[in-house]
Amino acid sequence: MAAYFFASPVDVDIKVEGEDERKKMDLKMEKEKTVACPVFYDGDNVAGQITVRVRDGKKLAHEGIKVEFVGSIELFYDRGHHHEFLSLSQELAAPGEMRSAQTFDFLFKNVEKQYESYQGINVKLRYFVRVTISRRIADITKERELWVHSYRMPPDSNNSIKMEVGIEDCLHIEFEYNKSKYHLKDVIVGKIYFLLVRIKIKHMELSIIRRETTGSPPNQYNESETITKFEIMDGAPVRGETIPIRLFLGGFDLTPTFREVNKKFSVRYYLNLVLIDEENRRYFKQQEITIFRIPEN
């Protein structure tokens, strides 16, 4: 609690080497703020400078200064418990006194960043640089967020999806998507065949649903959100009709599919086909698709 009663006697600035040249990701913070985070990749060095400025010409007695590079998973239902899967540390200064501004270099070489950064509804996977100035009264800490992207090799097998769905003696349709695995800027191409139509269909829509699963039973939470939804048919189809589908993924806020990340959470994507009849009854069929990241040209 001491940190709330004693104003910090220093300003700490963390500069990341090469950040101006790196791609940026806007990270939503508290109170609707956003912070532009430089994007790093697995194996990249994490290096930079830390400047500590003493305020008002005072002196700062400390018990050591260290810098850490941390990867952690924060589950919102388990607030206060951060699961650190990566923690690297370097000492910057031995215990002593500081009377003027000092700059320290840090370098974490070829850091393995095995998971991609993610900010979801119930979970956040984050990487950050943390500086800690140890003091007898209260430690002074400062954090700087980084964002990590992971490339995965394109899958060797990528079969098309073919499915039949129907209600006995009323409706029988067959739908086909060209692939089951897509990269983030890919195009979903497909078609829907009507083999039997004995109910009056008003319209048909296709949506992409993201399902986030956190925790494990009995404390497991599932959150689904609709990323996009669009109408692919308006009016009643007839038997033998074919509806083409072409959906460009590049315009949507998608992440790769994540499965059992550190045994803490998963993120999966589904194509959801919905038919609505004239009495507003809804018939739907979901199909999981896999989304992966490839290097951008």
Protein backbone atom coordinates (compact mmCIF):
# COMPACT_ATOMS: atom_id res chain seq x y z
CA MET A 1 0.00 0.00 0.00
CA ALA A 2 2.95 2.33 0.58
CA ALA A 3 3.16 3.10 -3.12
CA TYR A 4 -0.09 5.07 -2.92
CA PHE A 5 1.16 7.41 -0.21
CA PHE A 6 4.61 8.23 -1.58
CA ALA A 7 4.81 10.00 -4.93
CA SER A 8 7.46 8.43 -7.12
CA PRO A 9 10.65 10.50 -6.86
CA VAL A 10 11.80 9.42 -10.34
CA ASP A 11 10.61 9.23 -13.93
CA VAL A 12 11.35 5.99 -15.75
CA ASP A 13 11.38 5.86 -19.56
CA ILE A 14 11.67 2.57 -21.50
CA LYS A 15 12.77 2.85 -25.14
CA VAL A 16 12.76 -0.29 -27.30
CA GLU A 17 15.47 -0.57 -29.94
CA GLY A 18 14.17 -0.33 -33.50
CA GLU A 19 10.58 0.38 -32.43
CA ASP A 20 10.10 3.14 -35.04
CA GLU A 21 10.73 0.69 -37.88
CA ARG A 22 8.50 -2.04 -36.52
CA LYS A 23 4.86 -2.61 -37.39
CA LYS A 24 2.53 -1.29 -34.68
CA MET A 25 -0.56 -2.81 -33.05
CA ASP A 26 -3.08 -0.68 -31.18
CA LEU A 27 -3.65 -2.21 -27.76
CA LYS A 28 -6.78 -1.23 -25.86
CA MET A 29 -6.00 -0.15 -22.33
CA GLU A 30 -8.26 0.93 -19.48
CA LYS A 31 -10.58 3.96 -19.85
CA GLU A 32 -10.80 3.63 -23.65
CA LYS A 33 -7.12 4.48 -24.11
CA THR A 34 -5.09 2.80 -26.81
CA VAL A 35 -1.33 2.32 -26.91
CA ALA A 36 0.68 1.64 -30.08
CA CYS A 37 2.85 -1.42 -29.38
CA PRO A 38 5.78 -2.48 -31.59
CA VAL A 39 5.35 -5.97 -33.07
CA PHE A 40 8.00 -8.64 -32.38
CA TYR A 41 8.41 -12.19 -33.63
CA ASP A 42 9.64 -15.44 -32.14
CA GLY A 43 13.44 -15.35 -31.84
CA ASP A 44 13.75 -11.56 -32.11
CA ASN A 45 16.09 -9.79 -29.71
CA VAL A 46 14.37 -7.54 -27.19
CA ALA A 47 16.75 -4.65 -26.52
CA GLY A 48 16.67 -0.99 -25.65
CA GLN A 49 17.50 1.73 -23.14
CA ILE A 50 16.02 2.60 -19.78
CA THR A 51 16.42 6.16 -18.53
CA VAL A 52 15.85 6.94 -14.85
CA ARG A 53 15.53 10.67 -14.03
CA VAL A 54 15.56 11.89 -10.44
CA ARG A 55 12.97 14.60 -9.83
CA ASP A 56 13.60 18.04 -8.29
CA GLY A 57 17.34 17.45 -7.84
CA LYS A 58 16.68 14.98 -5.04
CA LYS A 59 18.74 11.88 -4.49
CA LEU A 60 17.34 8.40 -4.78
CA ALA A 61 18.58 5.65 -2.49
CA HIS A 62 17.76 2.22 -3.90
CA GLU A 63 18.53 -1.42 -3.31
CA GLY A 64 19.15 -2.34 -6.93
CA ILE A 65 17.56 -1.82 -10.36
CA LYS A 66 16.56 -4.70 -12.64
CA VAL A 67 14.81 -5.17 -15.98
CA GLU A 68 12.63 -8.16 -16.89
CA PHE A 69 11.04 -9.43 -20.08
CA VAL A 70 7.80 -11.16 -19.13
CA GLY A 71 5.13 -13.18 -20.95
CA SER A 72 1.97 -13.67 -18.93
CA ILE A 73 -1.61 -14.87 -19.24
CA GLU A 74 -4.26 -12.97 -17.29
CA LEU A 75 -7.65 -14.60 -16.84
CA PHE A 76 -10.30 -12.05 -15.95
CA TYR A 77 -12.22 -14.36 -13.61
CA ASP A 78 -8.96 -15.04 -11.74
CA ARG A 79 -7.92 -11.43 -11.17
CA GLY A 80 -4.71 -10.94 -9.28
CA HIS A 81 -3.27 -14.27 -10.48
CA HIS A 82 -1.03 -13.76 -13.47
CA HIS A 83 0.39 -16.92 -15.02
CA GLU A 84 3.91 -16.12 -16.20
CA PHE A 85 5.13 -18.54 -18.87
CA LEU A 86 8.23 -16.46 -19.68
CA SER A 87 10.41 -14.47 -17.29
CA LEU A 88 13.91 -13.23 -18.09
CA SER A 89 15.77 -10.84 -15.79
CA GLN A 90 18.91 -8.66 -15.88
CA GLU A 91 20.46 -6.55 -13.14
CA LEU A 92 21.03 -2.96 -14.25
CA ALA A 93 22.49 -1.39 -11.11
CA ALA A 94 23.76 -2.55 -7.73
CA PRO A 95 22.34 -0.95 -4.55
CA GLY A 96 23.38 2.67 -4.22
CA GLU A 97 22.34 6.29 -4.60
CA MET A 98 21.32 8.20 -7.69
CA ARG A 99 21.58 11.99 -7.92
CA SER A 100 21.18 12.60 -11.67
CA ALA A 101 19.64 10.93 -14.70
CA GLN A 102 21.13 7.60 -15.73
CA THR A 103 20.60 5.48 -18.85
CA PHE A 104 20.99 1.71 -18.86
CA ASP A 105 21.15 -0.60 -21.89
CA PHE A 106 19.41 -3.97 -21.83
CA LEU A 107 19.45 -6.93 -24.21
CA PHE A 108 17.54 -10.21 -24.16
CA LYS A 109 18.96 -12.20 -27.09
CA ASN A 110 16.95 -14.44 -29.45
CA VAL A 111 14.01 -14.67 -27.07
CA GLU A 112 11.67 -17.60 -27.66
CA LYS A 113 8.14 -16.20 -27.76
CA GLN A 114 6.14 -19.37 -28.19
CA TYR A 115 2.66 -17.83 -28.05
CA GLU A 116 1.05 -14.97 -29.93
CA SER A 117 -0.25 -11.92 -28.05
CA TYR A 118 -4.01 -11.93 -27.60
CA GLN A 119 -6.54 -9.59 -26.02
CA GLY A 120 -9.94 -11.20 -25.69
CA ILE A 121 -13.14 -11.01 -23.67
CA ASN A 122 -12.00 -13.10 -20.69
CA VAL A 123 -8.28 -13.47 -21.24
CA LYS A 124 -5.21 -11.46 -22.17
CA LEU A 125 -1.84 -12.88 -23.24
CA ARG A 126 0.72 -10.10 -23.01
CA TYR A 127 4.46 -9.51 -23.27
CA PHE A 128 6.10 -6.56 -21.56
CA VAL A 129 9.37 -5.08 -20.38
CA ARG A 130 9.29 -4.25 -16.66
CA VAL A 131 11.77 -2.09 -14.77
CA THR A 132 11.88 -2.43 -10.98
CA ILE A 133 13.76 -0.03 -8.69
CA SER A 134 13.92 -1.77 -5.32
CA ARG A 135 13.49 0.46 -2.28
CA ARG A 136 12.98 -0.11 1.42
CA ILE A 137 9.71 1.86 1.44
CA ALA A 138 8.05 0.81 -1.83
CA ASP A 139 9.41 -0.51 -5.09
CA ILE A 140 9.05 1.66 -8.20
CA THR A 141 7.96 -0.25 -11.32
CA LYS A 142 7.33 0.74 -14.91
CA GLU A 143 6.07 -1.51 -17.71
CA ARG A 144 6.19 -1.22 -21.49
CA GLU A 145 3.88 -3.39 -23.60
CA LEU A 146 5.13 -5.27 -26.67
CA TRP A 147 3.02 -7.26 -29.14
CA VAL A 148 4.04 -10.65 -30.52
CA HIS A 149 2.94 -12.28 -33.77
CA SER A 150 3.68 -15.93 -34.56
CA TYR A 151 3.92 -17.40 -38.04
CA ARG A 152 2.90 -20.97 -38.58
CA MET A 153 3.77 -23.08 -41.58
CA PRO A 154 0.81 -23.51 -43.93
CA PRO A 155 -0.83 -26.88 -43.32
CA ASP A 156 0.20 -29.75 -45.59
CA SER A 157 -3.32 -31.04 -45.97
CA ASN A 158 -6.17 -28.63 -46.49
CA ASN A 159 -9.25 -30.55 -47.46
CA SER A 160 -12.41 -28.94 -48.70
CA ILE A 161 -15.47 -29.07 -46.43
CA LYS A 162 -18.55 -30.87 -47.77
CA MET A 163 -21.63 -31.24 -45.63
CA GLU A 164 -25.26 -32.09 -46.00
CA VAL A 165 -27.93 -30.68 -43.76
CA GLY A 166 -31.65 -31.12 -43.82
CA ILE A 167 -34.98 -31.64 -42.18
CA GLU A 168 -36.61 -34.87 -43.22
CA ASP A 169 -38.99 -34.42 -46.18
CA CYS A 170 -38.81 -30.62 -45.86
CA LEU A 171 -35.35 -29.36 -46.70
CA HIS A 172 -32.15 -30.87 -47.96
CA ILE A 173 -29.13 -28.75 -48.79
CA GLU A 174 -25.50 -29.49 -49.42
CA PHE A 175 -22.78 -26.94 -48.86
CA GLU A 176 -19.16 -26.94 -49.83
CA TYR A 177 -16.23 -24.67 -48.86
CA ASN A 178 -13.01 -24.83 -50.86
CA LYS A 179 -10.76 -25.30 -47.79
CA SER A 180 -10.94 -25.95 -44.07
CA LYS A 181 -7.84 -23.88 -43.17
CA TYR A 182 -7.36 -20.24 -44.15
CA HIS A 183 -4.73 -17.58 -43.59
CA LEU A 184 -5.74 -14.17 -42.21
CA LYS A 185 -5.98 -12.49 -45.65
CA ASP A 186 -7.53 -15.47 -47.43
CA VAL A 187 -10.82 -15.76 -49.30
CA ILE A 188 -13.47 -18.33 -48.40
CA VAL A 189 -15.00 -19.66 -51.61
CA GLY A 190 -17.96 -21.99 -51.48
CA LYS A 191 -21.37 -22.89 -52.81
CA ILE A 192 -24.68 -24.12 -51.52
CA TYR A 193 -26.91 -26.56 -53.43
CA PHE A 194 -30.63 -26.95 -52.75
CA LEU A 195 -31.59 -30.58 -53.26
CA LEU A 196 -35.05 -30.43 -51.69
CA VAL A 197 -37.05 -27.34 -50.71
CA ARG A 198 -40.51 -27.82 -49.18
CA ILE A 199 -40.46 -24.96 -46.70
CA LYS A 200 -40.69 -21.30 -47.60
CA ILE A 201 -37.24 -19.83 -46.93
CA LYS A 202 -37.17 -16.05 -46.53
CA HIS A 203 -33.44 -15.50 -46.54
CA MET A 204 -30.09 -17.05 -45.72
CA GLU A 205 -27.02 -15.58 -43.99
CA LEU A 206 -23.46 -16.62 -43.30
CA SER A 207 -21.51 -15.45 -40.26
CA ILE A 208 -18.05 -15.98 -38.77
CA ILE A 209 -18.15 -16.71 -35.05
CA ARG A 210 -15.17 -16.51 -32.69
CA ARG A 211 -15.44 -18.73 -29.61
CA GLU A 212 -13.11 -18.08 -26.71
CA THR A 213 -12.79 -20.79 -24.05
CA THR A 214 -10.94 -20.01 -20.82
CA GLY A 215 -10.08 -22.07 -17.77
CA SER A 216 -10.93 -25.70 -17.26
CA PRO A 217 -14.00 -27.41 -15.77
CA PRO A 218 -15.68 -26.61 -13.46
CA ASN A 219 -14.36 -23.05 -13.93
CA GLN A 220 -14.65 -22.96 -17.69
CA TYR A 221 -16.06 -19.97 -19.52
CA ASN A 222 -17.16 -19.82 -23.15
CA GLU A 223 -17.72 -16.53 -24.94
CA SER A 224 -18.91 -16.33 -28.53
CA GLU A 225 -18.93 -13.21 -30.65
CA THR A 226 -20.06 -12.69 -34.22
CA ILE A 227 -17.20 -11.16 -36.22
CA THR A 228 -19.27 -10.57 -39.35
CA LYS A 229 -22.67 -11.52 -40.71
CA PHE A 230 -23.96 -11.04 -44.22
CA GLU A 231 -26.94 -12.12 -46.26
CA ILE A 232 -26.14 -14.51 -49.08
CA MET A 233 -29.69 -15.03 -50.36
CA ASP A 234 -32.94 -13.13 -50.23
CA GLY A 235 -36.10 -14.88 -51.36
CA ALA A 236 -37.20 -18.47 -51.72
CA PRO A 237 -34.78 -20.87 -53.45
CA VAL A 238 -35.97 -23.65 -55.70
CA ARG A 239 -34.73 -27.19 -56.02
CA GLY A 240 -31.53 -27.42 -58.05
CA GLU A 241 -30.48 -23.84 -57.32
CA THR A 242 -26.87 -23.03 -56.39
CA ILE A 243 -25.79 -20.03 -54.30
CA PRO A 244 -22.11 -18.99 -54.60
CA ILE A 245 -20.16 -17.76 -51.56
CA ARG A 246 -17.09 -15.51 -51.64
CA LEU A 247 -15.96 -14.07 -48.32
CA PHE A 248 -12.76 -11.99 -48.02
CA LEU A 249 -11.21 -12.37 -44.56
CA GLY A 250 -8.72 -9.49 -44.83
CA GLY A 251 -11.22 -6.83 -43.73
CA PHE A 252 -12.07 -8.43 -40.39
CA ASP A 253 -10.41 -8.29 -36.99
CA LEU A 254 -9.31 -11.93 -36.84
CA THR A 255 -6.59 -13.71 -34.92
CA PRO A 256 -5.17 -17.14 -35.67
CA THR A 257 -6.87 -20.17 -34.15
CA PHE A 258 -5.35 -20.88 -30.71
CA ARG A 259 -5.71 -24.33 -29.18
CA GLU A 260 -5.01 -24.94 -25.50
CA VAL A 261 -2.53 -22.09 -25.07
CA ASN A 262 -0.49 -22.98 -21.97
CA LYS A 263 -3.54 -25.07 -20.94
CA LYS A 264 -5.29 -21.76 -20.14
CA PHE A 265 -7.41 -20.78 -23.15
CA SER A 266 -8.45 -21.56 -26.72
CA VAL A 267 -9.81 -19.43 -29.56
CA ARG A 268 -11.69 -21.14 -32.38
CA TYR A 269 -13.55 -19.93 -35.45
CA TYR A 270 -16.75 -21.25 -37.01
CA LEU A 271 -18.66 -20.60 -40.20
CA ASN A 272 -22.33 -20.43 -39.29
CA LEU A 273 -24.91 -20.88 -42.03
CA VAL A 274 -28.43 -19.74 -41.04
CA LEU A 275 -31.68 -20.17 -42.98
CA ILE A 276 -34.76 -18.22 -41.84
CA ASP A 277 -38.23 -19.28 -43.01
CA GLU A 278 -41.35 -17.17 -43.37
CA GLU A 279 -42.41 -17.97 -39.82
CA ASN A 280 -39.01 -16.72 -38.62
CA ARG A 281 -37.82 -20.17 -37.62
CA ARG A 282 -34.05 -20.45 -37.88
CA TYR A 283 -32.15 -23.47 -39.16
CA PHE A 284 -28.39 -23.37 -38.83
CA LYS A 285 -25.27 -25.43 -39.30
CA GLN A 286 -21.84 -24.62 -37.86
CA GLN A 287 -18.52 -25.75 -39.23
CA GLU A 288 -15.16 -25.11 -37.57
CA ILE A 289 -12.42 -23.58 -39.71
CA THR A 290 -8.74 -23.08 -38.82
CA ILE A 291 -7.13 -19.68 -39.26
CA PHE A 292 -3.36 -19.22 -39.33
CA ARG A 293 -0.87 -16.36 -39.87
CA ILE A 294 1.60 -16.27 -42.76
CA PRO A 295 4.34 -13.66 -43.33
CA GLU A 296 3.13 -10.46 -44.94
CA ASN A 297 4.84 -9.41 -48.15
